[in-house]
PDB file of N, CA and C in Angstrom:
ATOM      1  N   MET A   1     -13.575  -6.951  -6.945  1.00  0.00           N
ATOM      2  CA  MET A   1     -14.346  -6.456  -5.828  1.00  0.00           C
ATOM      3  C   MET A   1     -13.578  -5.304  -5.178  1.00  0.00           C
ATOM      4  N   TYR A   2     -14.317  -4.285  -4.791  1.00  0.00           N
ATOM      5  CA  TYR A   2     -13.709  -3.164  -4.100  1.00  0.00           C
ATOM      6  C   TYR A   2     -14.546  -2.814  -2.881  1.00  0.00           C
ATOM      7  N   ALA A   3     -13.950  -2.066  -1.972  1.00  0.00           N
ATOM      8  CA  ALA A   3     -14.659  -1.644  -0.764  1.00  0.00           C
ATOM      9  C   ALA A   3     -14.292  -0.199  -0.467  1.00  0.00           C
ATOM     10  N   ILE A   4     -15.185   0.492   0.204  1.00  0.00           N
ATOM     11  CA  ILE A   4     -14.917   1.846   0.673  1.00  0.00           C
ATOM     12  C   ILE A   4     -14.832   1.771   2.186  1.00  0.00           C
ATOM     13  N   ILE A   5     -13.661   2.127   2.716  1.00  0.00           N
ATOM     14  CA  ILE A   5     -13.419   2.041   4.159  1.00  0.00           C
ATOM     15  C   ILE A   5     -13.257   3.439   4.727  1.00  0.00           C
ATOM     16  N   GLU A   6     -13.346   3.510   6.051  1.00  0.00           N
ATOM     17  CA  GLU A   6     -13.191   4.787   6.742  1.00  0.00           C
ATOM     18  C   GLU A   6     -12.116   4.639   7.810  1.00  0.00           C
ATOM     19  N   THR A   7     -11.147   5.546   7.782  1.00  0.00           N
ATOM     20  CA  THR A   7     -10.110   5.576   8.806  1.00  0.00           C
ATOM     21  C   THR A   7      -9.532   6.984   8.880  1.00  0.00           C
ATOM     22  N   GLY A   8      -9.304   7.450  10.080  1.00  0.00           N
ATOM     23  CA  GLY A   8      -8.712   8.767  10.261  1.00  0.00           C
ATOM     24  C   GLY A   8      -9.591   9.905   9.765  1.00  0.00           C
ATOM     25  N   GLY A   9     -10.915   9.705   9.762  1.00  0.00           N
ATOM     26  CA  GLY A   9     -11.826  10.745   9.306  1.00  0.00           C
ATOM     27  C   GLY A   9     -11.899  10.886   7.796  1.00  0.00           C
ATOM     28  N   LYS A  10     -11.295   9.959   7.075  1.00  0.00           N
ATOM     29  CA  LYS A  10     -11.304   9.993   5.618  1.00  0.00           C
ATOM     30  C   LYS A  10     -11.819   8.664   5.088  1.00  0.00           C
ATOM     31  N   GLN A  11     -12.251   8.670   3.827  1.00  0.00           N
ATOM     32  CA  GLN A  11     -12.730   7.456   3.189  1.00  0.00           C
ATOM     33  C   GLN A  11     -11.814   7.092   2.042  1.00  0.00           C
ATOM     34  N   TYR A  12     -11.565   5.793   1.876  1.00  0.00           N
ATOM     35  CA  TYR A  12     -10.661   5.297   0.844  1.00  0.00           C
ATOM     36  C   TYR A  12     -11.341   4.182   0.061  1.00  0.00           C
ATOM     37  N   LYS A  13     -11.187   4.204  -1.255  1.00  0.00           N
ATOM     38  CA  LYS A  13     -11.653   3.098  -2.098  1.00  0.00           C
ATOM     39  C   LYS A  13     -10.474   2.152  -2.264  1.00  0.00           C
ATOM     40  N   VAL A  14     -10.641   0.892  -1.822  1.00  0.00           N
ATOM     41  CA  VAL A  14      -9.533  -0.060  -1.829  1.00  0.00           C
ATOM     42  C   VAL A  14      -9.934  -1.354  -2.522  1.00  0.00           C
ATOM     43  N   GLU A  15      -8.937  -2.026  -3.076  1.00  0.00           N
ATOM     44  CA  GLU A  15      -9.074  -3.358  -3.642  1.00  0.00           C
ATOM     45  C   GLU A  15      -7.987  -4.223  -3.031  1.00  0.00           C
ATOM     46  N   ASN A  16      -8.034  -5.510  -3.300  1.00  0.00           N
ATOM     47  CA  ASN A  16      -7.020  -6.424  -2.787  1.00  0.00           C
ATOM     48  C   ASN A  16      -5.647  -6.049  -3.339  1.00  0.00           C
ATOM     49  N   GLY A  17      -4.642  -5.945  -2.472  1.00  0.00           N
ATOM     50  CA  GLY A  17      -3.289  -5.636  -2.901  1.00  0.00           C
ATOM     51  C   GLY A  17      -2.970  -4.153  -2.968  1.00  0.00           C
ATOM     52  N   ASP A  18      -3.939  -3.270  -2.755  1.00  0.00           N
ATOM     53  CA  ASP A  18      -3.690  -1.831  -2.791  1.00  0.00           C
ATOM     54  C   ASP A  18      -2.842  -1.400  -1.603  1.00  0.00           C
ATOM     55  N   VAL A  19      -2.114  -0.314  -1.786  1.00  0.00           N
ATOM     56  CA  VAL A  19      -1.333   0.297  -0.713  1.00  0.00           C
ATOM     57  C   VAL A  19      -1.882   1.699  -0.506  1.00  0.00           C
ATOM     58  N   ILE A  20      -2.263   2.018   0.744  1.00  0.00           N
ATOM     59  CA  ILE A  20      -2.797   3.344   1.049  1.00  0.00           C
ATOM     60  C   ILE A  20      -1.956   4.001   2.128  1.00  0.00           C
ATOM     61  N   TYR A  21      -1.966   5.320   2.121  1.00  0.00           N
ATOM     62  CA  TYR A  21      -1.312   6.120   3.148  1.00  0.00           C
ATOM     63  C   TYR A  21      -2.419   6.775   3.962  1.00  0.00           C
ATOM     64  N   ALA A  22      -2.652   6.270   5.177  1.00  0.00           N
ATOM     65  CA  ALA A  22      -3.730   6.756   6.032  1.00  0.00           C
ATOM     66  C   ALA A  22      -3.143   7.576   7.178  1.00  0.00           C
ATOM     67  N   GLU A  23      -4.019   8.257   7.898  1.00  0.00           N
ATOM     68  CA  GLU A  23      -3.589   8.970   9.097  1.00  0.00           C
ATOM     69  C   GLU A  23      -2.977   7.974  10.079  1.00  0.00           C
ATOM     70  N   LEU A  24      -2.095   8.442  10.919  1.00  0.00           N
ATOM     71  CA  LEU A  24      -1.321   7.588  11.816  1.00  0.00           C
ATOM     72  C   LEU A  24      -2.227   6.714  12.686  1.00  0.00           C
ATOM     73  N   LEU A  25      -1.982   5.404  12.670  1.00  0.00           N
ATOM     74  CA  LEU A  25      -2.701   4.437  13.492  1.00  0.00           C
ATOM     75  C   LEU A  25      -1.796   3.970  14.628  1.00  0.00           C
ATOM     76  N   LYS A  26      -2.408   3.500  15.696  1.00  0.00           N
ATOM     77  CA  LYS A  26      -1.637   2.962  16.817  1.00  0.00           C
ATOM     78  C   LYS A  26      -1.342   1.498  16.547  1.00  0.00           C
ATOM     79  N   ALA A  27      -0.479   1.258  15.562  1.00  0.00           N
ATOM     80  CA  ALA A  27      -0.104  -0.098  15.187  1.00  0.00           C
ATOM     81  C   ALA A  27       1.351  -0.082  14.730  1.00  0.00           C
ATOM     82  N   GLU A  28       2.061  -1.138  15.061  1.00  0.00           N
ATOM     83  CA  GLU A  28       3.460  -1.269  14.664  1.00  0.00           C
ATOM     84  C   GLU A  28       3.560  -1.904  13.284  1.00  0.00           C
ATOM     85  N   ALA A  29       4.752  -1.861  12.701  1.00  0.00           N
ATOM     86  CA  ALA A  29       4.994  -2.476  11.396  1.00  0.00           C
ATOM     87  C   ALA A  29       4.760  -3.984  11.478  1.00  0.00           C
ATOM     88  N   GLU A  30       4.263  -4.568  10.387  1.00  0.00           N
ATOM     89  CA  GLU A  30       3.955  -5.996  10.249  1.00  0.00           C
ATOM     90  C   GLU A  30       2.753  -6.438  11.093  1.00  0.00           C
ATOM     91  N   GLN A  31       2.004  -5.503  11.645  1.00  0.00           N
ATOM     92  CA  GLN A  31       0.836  -5.833  12.451  1.00  0.00           C
ATOM     93  C   GLN A  31      -0.419  -5.788  11.568  1.00  0.00           C
ATOM     94  N   GLU A  32      -1.388  -6.669  11.862  1.00  0.00           N
ATOM     95  CA  GLU A  32      -2.642  -6.706  11.114  1.00  0.00           C
ATOM     96  C   GLU A  32      -3.616  -5.676  11.683  1.00  0.00           C
ATOM     97  N   VAL A  33      -4.332  -4.977  10.795  1.00  0.00           N
ATOM     98  CA  VAL A  33      -5.365  -4.032  11.200  1.00  0.00           C
ATOM     99  C   VAL A  33      -6.628  -4.336  10.406  1.00  0.00           C
ATOM    100  N   SER A  34      -7.781  -3.991  10.979  1.00  0.00           N
ATOM    101  CA  SER A  34      -9.047  -4.203  10.272  1.00  0.00           C
ATOM    102  C   SER A  34      -9.833  -2.894  10.256  1.00  0.00           C
ATOM    103  N   PHE A  35     -10.649  -2.734   9.227  1.00  0.00           N
ATOM    104  CA  PHE A  35     -11.407  -1.509   9.020  1.00  0.00           C
ATOM    105  C   PHE A  35     -12.880  -1.835   8.825  1.00  0.00           C
ATOM    106  N   ASP A  36     -13.751  -0.922   9.266  1.00  0.00           N
ATOM    107  CA  ASP A  36     -15.174  -1.039   8.995  1.00  0.00           C
ATOM    108  C   ASP A  36     -15.425  -0.645   7.544  1.00  0.00           C
ATOM    109  N   VAL A  37     -16.415  -1.299   6.933  1.00  0.00           N
ATOM    110  CA  VAL A  37     -16.703  -1.092   5.522  1.00  0.00           C
ATOM    111  C   VAL A  37     -17.966  -0.253   5.376  1.00  0.00           C
ATOM    112  N   ILE A  38     -17.878   0.834   4.627  1.00  0.00           N
ATOM    113  CA  ILE A  38     -19.025   1.693   4.364  1.00  0.00           C
ATOM    114  C   ILE A  38     -19.825   1.152   3.190  1.00  0.00           C
ATOM    115  N   ALA A  39     -19.136   0.674   2.149  1.00  0.00           N
ATOM    116  CA  ALA A  39     -19.803   0.137   0.965  1.00  0.00           C
ATOM    117  C   ALA A  39     -18.915  -0.903   0.308  1.00  0.00           C
ATOM    118  N   ILE A  40     -19.560  -1.875  -0.350  1.00  0.00           N
ATOM    119  CA  ILE A  40     -18.850  -2.915  -1.097  1.00  0.00           C
ATOM    120  C   ILE A  40     -19.431  -2.959  -2.501  1.00  0.00           C
ATOM    121  N   GLY A  41     -18.538  -2.980  -3.484  1.00  0.00           N
ATOM    122  CA  GLY A  41     -18.980  -3.061  -4.870  1.00  0.00           C
ATOM    123  C   GLY A  41     -18.340  -4.232  -5.564  1.00  0.00           C
ATOM    124  N   GLY A  42     -19.046  -4.777  -6.516  1.00  0.00           N
ATOM    125  CA  GLY A  42     -18.527  -5.917  -7.267  1.00  0.00           C
ATOM    126  C   GLY A  42     -19.362  -6.140  -8.506  1.00  0.00           C
ATOM    127  N   ASP A  43     -19.322  -7.385  -9.011  1.00  0.00           N
ATOM    128  CA  ASP A  43     -20.085  -7.735 -10.205  1.00  0.00           C
ATOM    129  C   ASP A  43     -21.593  -7.687  -9.963  1.00  0.00           C
ATOM    130  N   ASP A  44     -22.016  -7.961  -8.729  1.00  0.00           N
ATOM    131  CA  ASP A  44     -23.445  -7.997  -8.421  1.00  0.00           C
ATOM    132  C   ASP A  44     -24.013  -6.632  -8.034  1.00  0.00           C
ATOM    133  N   GLY A  45     -23.204  -5.573  -8.087  1.00  0.00           N
ATOM    134  CA  GLY A  45     -23.680  -4.222  -7.772  1.00  0.00           C
ATOM    135  C   GLY A  45     -23.030  -3.669  -6.525  1.00  0.00           C
ATOM    136  N   LEU A  46     -23.628  -2.613  -6.011  1.00  0.00           N
ATOM    137  CA  LEU A  46     -23.086  -1.898  -4.859  1.00  0.00           C
ATOM    138  C   LEU A  46     -23.965  -2.137  -3.645  1.00  0.00           C
ATOM    139  N   THR A  47     -23.329  -2.475  -2.516  1.00  0.00           N
ATOM    140  CA  THR A  47     -24.032  -2.633  -1.250  1.00  0.00           C
ATOM    141  C   THR A  47     -23.558  -1.531  -0.317  1.00  0.00           C
ATOM    142  N   VAL A  48     -24.490  -0.699   0.143  1.00  0.00           N
ATOM    143  CA  VAL A  48     -24.161   0.432   1.003  1.00  0.00           C
ATOM    144  C   VAL A  48     -24.677   0.140   2.403  1.00  0.00           C
ATOM    145  N   GLY A  49     -23.859   0.413   3.415  1.00  0.00           N
ATOM    146  CA  GLY A  49     -24.243   0.154   4.792  1.00  0.00           C
ATOM    147  C   GLY A  49     -24.971   1.333   5.417  1.00  0.00           C
ATOM    148  N   ASP A  50     -25.447   1.108   6.638  1.00  0.00           N
ATOM    149  CA  ASP A  50     -26.175   2.153   7.360  1.00  0.00           C
ATOM    150  C   ASP A  50     -25.727   2.164   8.807  1.00  0.00           C
ATOM    151  N   PRO A  51     -24.626   2.705   9.236  1.00  0.00           N
ATOM    152  CA  PRO A  51     -23.581   3.368   8.469  1.00  0.00           C
ATOM    153  C   PRO A  51     -22.550   2.397   7.900  1.00  0.00           C
ATOM    154  N   TYR A  52     -22.471   1.162   8.455  1.00  0.00           N
ATOM    155  CA  TYR A  52     -21.490   0.193   7.971  1.00  0.00           C
ATOM    156  C   TYR A  52     -22.207  -1.046   7.445  1.00  0.00           C
ATOM    157  N   VAL A  53     -21.549  -1.767   6.556  1.00  0.00           N
ATOM    158  CA  VAL A  53     -22.087  -3.021   6.033  1.00  0.00           C
ATOM    159  C   VAL A  53     -21.871  -4.091   7.102  1.00  0.00           C
ATOM    160  N   LYS A  54     -22.949  -4.752   7.497  1.00  0.00           N
ATOM    161  CA  LYS A  54     -22.860  -5.759   8.559  1.00  0.00           C
ATOM    162  C   LYS A  54     -22.100  -6.989   8.066  1.00  0.00           C
ATOM    163  N   GLY A  55     -21.151  -7.450   8.864  1.00  0.00           N
ATOM    164  CA  GLY A  55     -20.394  -8.653   8.550  1.00  0.00           C
ATOM    165  C   GLY A  55     -19.258  -8.458   7.561  1.00  0.00           C
ATOM    166  N   ALA A  56     -19.056  -7.240   7.088  1.00  0.00           N
ATOM    167  CA  ALA A  56     -17.988  -6.975   6.120  1.00  0.00           C
ATOM    168  C   ALA A  56     -16.794  -6.348   6.829  1.00  0.00           C
ATOM    169  N   VAL A  57     -15.606  -6.878   6.545  1.00  0.00           N
ATOM    170  CA  VAL A  57     -14.375  -6.383   7.164  1.00  0.00           C
ATOM    171  C   VAL A  57     -13.271  -6.369   6.117  1.00  0.00           C
ATOM    172  N   VAL A  58     -12.485  -5.308   6.131  1.00  0.00           N
ATOM    173  CA  VAL A  58     -11.292  -5.230   5.286  1.00  0.00           C
ATOM    174  C   VAL A  58     -10.089  -5.333   6.207  1.00  0.00           C
ATOM    175  N   THR A  59      -9.183  -6.247   5.908  1.00  0.00           N
ATOM    176  CA  THR A  59      -7.974  -6.399   6.718  1.00  0.00           C
ATOM    177  C   THR A  59      -6.762  -5.957   5.912  1.00  0.00           C
ATOM    178  N   GLY A  60      -5.796  -5.438   6.623  1.00  0.00           N
ATOM    179  CA  GLY A  60      -4.569  -4.978   5.983  1.00  0.00           C
ATOM    180  C   GLY A  60      -3.381  -5.185   6.897  1.00  0.00           C
ATOM    181  N   LYS A  61      -2.195  -5.060   6.319  1.00  0.00           N
ATOM    182  CA  LYS A  61      -0.959  -5.219   7.070  1.00  0.00           C
ATOM    183  C   LYS A  61      -0.236  -3.881   7.055  1.00  0.00           C
ATOM    184  N   VAL A  62       0.205  -3.430   8.223  1.00  0.00           N
ATOM    185  CA  VAL A  62       0.951  -2.177   8.330  1.00  0.00           C
ATOM    186  C   VAL A  62       2.344  -2.400   7.774  1.00  0.00           C
ATOM    187  N   VAL A  63       2.703  -1.620   6.766  1.00  0.00           N
ATOM    188  CA  VAL A  63       4.028  -1.730   6.171  1.00  0.00           C
ATOM    189  C   VAL A  63       5.018  -0.902   6.978  1.00  0.00           C
ATOM    190  N   LYS A  64       4.650   0.361   7.242  1.00  0.00           N
ATOM    191  CA  LYS A  64       5.518   1.217   8.058  1.00  0.00           C
ATOM    192  C   LYS A  64       4.754   2.433   8.537  1.00  0.00           C
ATOM    193  N   ASN A  65       5.302   3.083   9.544  1.00  0.00           N
ATOM    194  CA  ASN A  65       4.836   4.374  10.015  1.00  0.00           C
ATOM    195  C   ASN A  65       5.901   5.389   9.641  1.00  0.00           C
ATOM    196  N   GLY A  66       5.483   6.561   9.220  1.00  0.00           N
ATOM    197  CA  GLY A  66       6.463   7.560   8.816  1.00  0.00           C
ATOM    198  C   GLY A  66       5.889   8.963   8.846  1.00  0.00           C
ATOM    199  N   LYS A  67       6.639   9.884   8.269  1.00  0.00           N
ATOM    200  CA  LYS A  67       6.209  11.278   8.168  1.00  0.00           C
ATOM    201  C   LYS A  67       6.259  11.706   6.710  1.00  0.00           C
ATOM    202  N   GLY A  68       5.322  12.562   6.329  1.00  0.00           N
ATOM    203  CA  GLY A  68       5.256  13.063   4.960  1.00  0.00           C
ATOM    204  C   GLY A  68       6.299  14.133   4.705  1.00  0.00           C
ATOM    205  N   LYS A  69       6.223  14.729   3.502  1.00  0.00           N
ATOM    206  CA  LYS A  69       7.146  15.796   3.159  1.00  0.00           C
ATOM    207  C   LYS A  69       6.894  17.019   4.027  1.00  0.00           C
ATOM    208  N   LYS A  70       7.927  17.807   4.228  1.00  0.00           N
ATOM    209  CA  LYS A  70       7.822  18.978   5.073  1.00  0.00           C
ATOM    210  C   LYS A  70       7.061  20.091   4.370  1.00  0.00           C
ATOM    211  N   ILE A  71       6.164  20.709   5.107  1.00  0.00           N
ATOM    212  CA  ILE A  71       5.428  21.874   4.625  1.00  0.00           C
ATOM    213  C   ILE A  71       5.953  23.071   5.402  1.00  0.00           C
ATOM    214  N   ASN A  72       6.398  24.102   4.697  1.00  0.00           N
ATOM    215  CA  ASN A  72       6.924  25.304   5.340  1.00  0.00           C
ATOM    216  C   ASN A  72       5.812  26.332   5.474  1.00  0.00           C
ATOM    217  N   ILE A  73       5.709  26.909   6.678  1.00  0.00           N
ATOM    218  CA  ILE A  73       4.709  27.924   6.974  1.00  0.00           C
ATOM    219  C   ILE A  73       5.446  29.208   7.301  1.00  0.00           C
ATOM    220  N   LEU A  74       5.041  30.292   6.676  1.00  0.00           N
ATOM    221  CA  LEU A  74       5.683  31.592   6.892  1.00  0.00           C
ATOM    222  C   LEU A  74       4.630  32.588   7.327  1.00  0.00           C
ATOM    223  N   THR A  75       4.844  33.204   8.490  1.00  0.00           N
ATOM    224  CA  THR A  75       3.964  34.250   8.984  1.00  0.00           C
ATOM    225  C   THR A  75       4.726  35.559   8.856  1.00  0.00           C
ATOM    226  N   TYR A  76       4.056  36.576   8.296  1.00  0.00           N
ATOM    227  CA  TYR A  76       4.737  37.820   7.979  1.00  0.00           C
ATOM    228  C   TYR A  76       3.793  38.981   8.227  1.00  0.00           C
ATOM    229  N   LYS A  77       4.307  40.035   8.879  1.00  0.00           N
ATOM    230  CA  LYS A  77       3.540  41.265   9.062  1.00  0.00           C
ATOM    231  C   LYS A  77       4.332  42.408   8.436  1.00  0.00           C
ATOM    232  N   PRO A  78       3.791  42.999   7.392  1.00  0.00           N
ATOM    233  CA  PRO A  78       4.540  44.039   6.700  1.00  0.00           C
ATOM    234  C   PRO A  78       4.771  45.277   7.564  1.00  0.00           C
ATOM    235  N   LYS A  79       5.897  45.906   7.351  1.00  0.00           N
ATOM    236  CA  LYS A  79       6.297  47.167   8.006  1.00  0.00           C
ATOM    237  C   LYS A  79       6.495  47.046   9.506  1.00  0.00           C
ATOM    238  N   LYS A  80       6.498  45.849  10.047  1.00  0.00           N
ATOM    239  CA  LYS A  80       6.680  45.654  11.484  1.00  0.00           C
ATOM    240  C   LYS A  80       7.955  44.891  11.814  1.00  0.00           C
ATOM    241  N   GLY A  81       8.622  44.365  10.817  1.00  0.00           N
ATOM    242  CA  GLY A  81       9.837  43.607  11.053  1.00  0.00           C
ATOM    243  C   GLY A  81       9.583  42.256  11.691  1.00  0.00           C
ATOM    244  N   TYR A  82       8.401  41.719  11.466  1.00  0.00           N
ATOM    245  CA  TYR A  82       8.033  40.443  12.073  1.00  0.00           C
ATOM    246  C   TYR A  82       7.898  39.376  10.994  1.00  0.00           C
ATOM    247  N   MET A  83       8.666  38.296  11.170  1.00  0.00           N
ATOM    248  CA  MET A  83       8.559  37.156  10.276  1.00  0.00           C
ATOM    249  C   MET A  83       8.873  35.900  11.084  1.00  0.00           C
ATOM    250  N   LYS A  84       8.053  34.888  10.924  1.00  0.00           N
ATOM    251  CA  LYS A  84       8.227  33.662  11.682  1.00  0.00           C
ATOM    252  C   LYS A  84       8.066  32.481  10.734  1.00  0.00           C
ATOM    253  N   ARG A  85       8.991  31.543  10.813  1.00  0.00           N
ATOM    254  CA  ARG A  85       8.939  30.341   9.984  1.00  0.00           C
ATOM    255  C   ARG A  85       8.630  29.139  10.866  1.00  0.00           C
ATOM    256  N   LYS A  86       7.769  28.279  10.340  1.00  0.00           N
ATOM    257  CA  LYS A  86       7.468  27.014  11.011  1.00  0.00           C
ATOM    258  C   LYS A  86       7.430  25.926   9.951  1.00  0.00           C
ATOM    259  N   GLY A  87       7.589  24.705  10.374  1.00  0.00           N
ATOM    260  CA  GLY A  87       7.491  23.572   9.471  1.00  0.00           C
ATOM    261  C   GLY A  87       6.605  22.505  10.082  1.00  0.00           C
ATOM    262  N   HIS A  88       6.041  21.662   9.214  1.00  0.00           N
ATOM    263  CA  HIS A  88       5.169  20.592   9.688  1.00  0.00           C
ATOM    264  C   HIS A  88       5.351  19.361   8.808  1.00  0.00           C
ATOM    265  N   ARG A  89       5.434  18.195   9.439  1.00  0.00           N
ATOM    266  CA  ARG A  89       5.482  16.915   8.728  1.00  0.00           C
ATOM    267  C   ARG A  89       4.355  16.047   9.278  1.00  0.00           C
ATOM    268  N   GLN A  90       3.371  15.746   8.436  1.00  0.00           N
ATOM    269  CA  GLN A  90       2.210  14.978   8.855  1.00  0.00           C
ATOM    270  C   GLN A  90       2.570  13.497   9.000  1.00  0.00           C
ATOM    271  N   PRO A  91       2.311  12.899  10.159  1.00  0.00           N
ATOM    272  CA  PRO A  91       2.582  11.467  10.313  1.00  0.00           C
ATOM    273  C   PRO A  91       1.551  10.631   9.550  1.00  0.00           C
ATOM    274  N   TYR A  92       1.988   9.483   9.042  1.00  0.00           N
ATOM    275  CA  TYR A  92       1.099   8.604   8.291  1.00  0.00           C
ATOM    276  C   TYR A  92       1.433   7.149   8.600  1.00  0.00           C
ATOM    277  N   THR A  93       0.529   6.265   8.194  1.00  0.00           N
ATOM    278  CA  THR A  93       0.741   4.828   8.259  1.00  0.00           C
ATOM    279  C   THR A  93       0.534   4.263   6.866  1.00  0.00           C
ATOM    280  N   LYS A  94       1.517   3.531   6.378  1.00  0.00           N
ATOM    281  CA  LYS A  94       1.423   2.892   5.063  1.00  0.00           C
ATOM    282  C   LYS A  94       0.840   1.506   5.279  1.00  0.00           C
ATOM    283  N   ILE A  95      -0.307   1.223   4.609  1.00  0.00           N
ATOM    284  CA  ILE A  95      -1.035  -0.024   4.817  1.00  0.00           C
ATOM    285  C   ILE A  95      -1.223  -0.738   3.495  1.00  0.00           C
ATOM    286  N   GLU A  96      -0.951  -2.050   3.484  1.00  0.00           N
ATOM    287  CA  GLU A  96      -1.214  -2.887   2.315  1.00  0.00           C
ATOM    288  C   GLU A  96      -2.475  -3.704   2.601  1.00  0.00           C
ATOM    289  N   ILE A  97      -3.478  -3.587   1.729  1.00  0.00           N
ATOM    290  CA  ILE A  97      -4.740  -4.297   1.910  1.00  0.00           C
ATOM    291  C   ILE A  97      -4.530  -5.765   1.523  1.00  0.00           C
ATOM    292  N   THR A  98      -4.883  -6.671   2.452  1.00  0.00           N
ATOM    293  CA  THR A  98      -4.665  -8.087   2.216  1.00  0.00           C
ATOM    294  C   THR A  98      -5.944  -8.850   1.886  1.00  0.00           C
ATOM    295  N   ALA A  99      -7.087  -8.444   2.457  1.00  0.00           N
ATOM    296  CA  ALA A  99      -8.317  -9.202   2.215  1.00  0.00           C
ATOM    297  C   ALA A  99      -9.543  -8.316   2.373  1.00  0.00           C
ATOM    298  N   ILE A 100     -10.557  -8.604   1.545  1.00  0.00           N
ATOM    299  CA  ILE A 100     -11.867  -7.967   1.679  1.00  0.00           C
ATOM    300  C   ILE A 100     -12.869  -9.088   1.916  1.00  0.00           C
ATOM    301  N   ASN A 101     -13.426  -9.128   3.122  1.00  0.00           N
ATOM    302  CA  ASN A 101     -14.386 -10.182   3.477  1.00  0.00           C
ATOM    303  C   ASN A 101     -15.771  -9.585   3.543  1.00  0.00           C
ATOM    304  N   ALA A 102     -16.671 -10.091   2.685  1.00  0.00           N
ATOM    305  CA  ALA A 102     -18.028  -9.551   2.649  1.00  0.00           C
ATOM    306  C   ALA A 102     -19.022 -10.569   3.152  1.00  0.00           C
TER     307      ALA A 102
END
């Protein structure tokens, strides 16, 4: 059985035991989180919600919060002697899916 969940403006296809890297959630490590289900698929076919499947919940455990790899940004204007460097590290939450309840 698999489910399609929505978090952080993105959709993820998850199964039991999967580990996903989602946008930063307001949850500490070892805390339980639940997600609304957009669709559930299994042996009996696909069930799509409008917008969510009623009574379906996916629960997961927060493994850790962290930051991704650094992305370097370079702004440059030719013949003007202007160059500016910036960096960015996107925060994320690592989540292990523990249960899909349909």
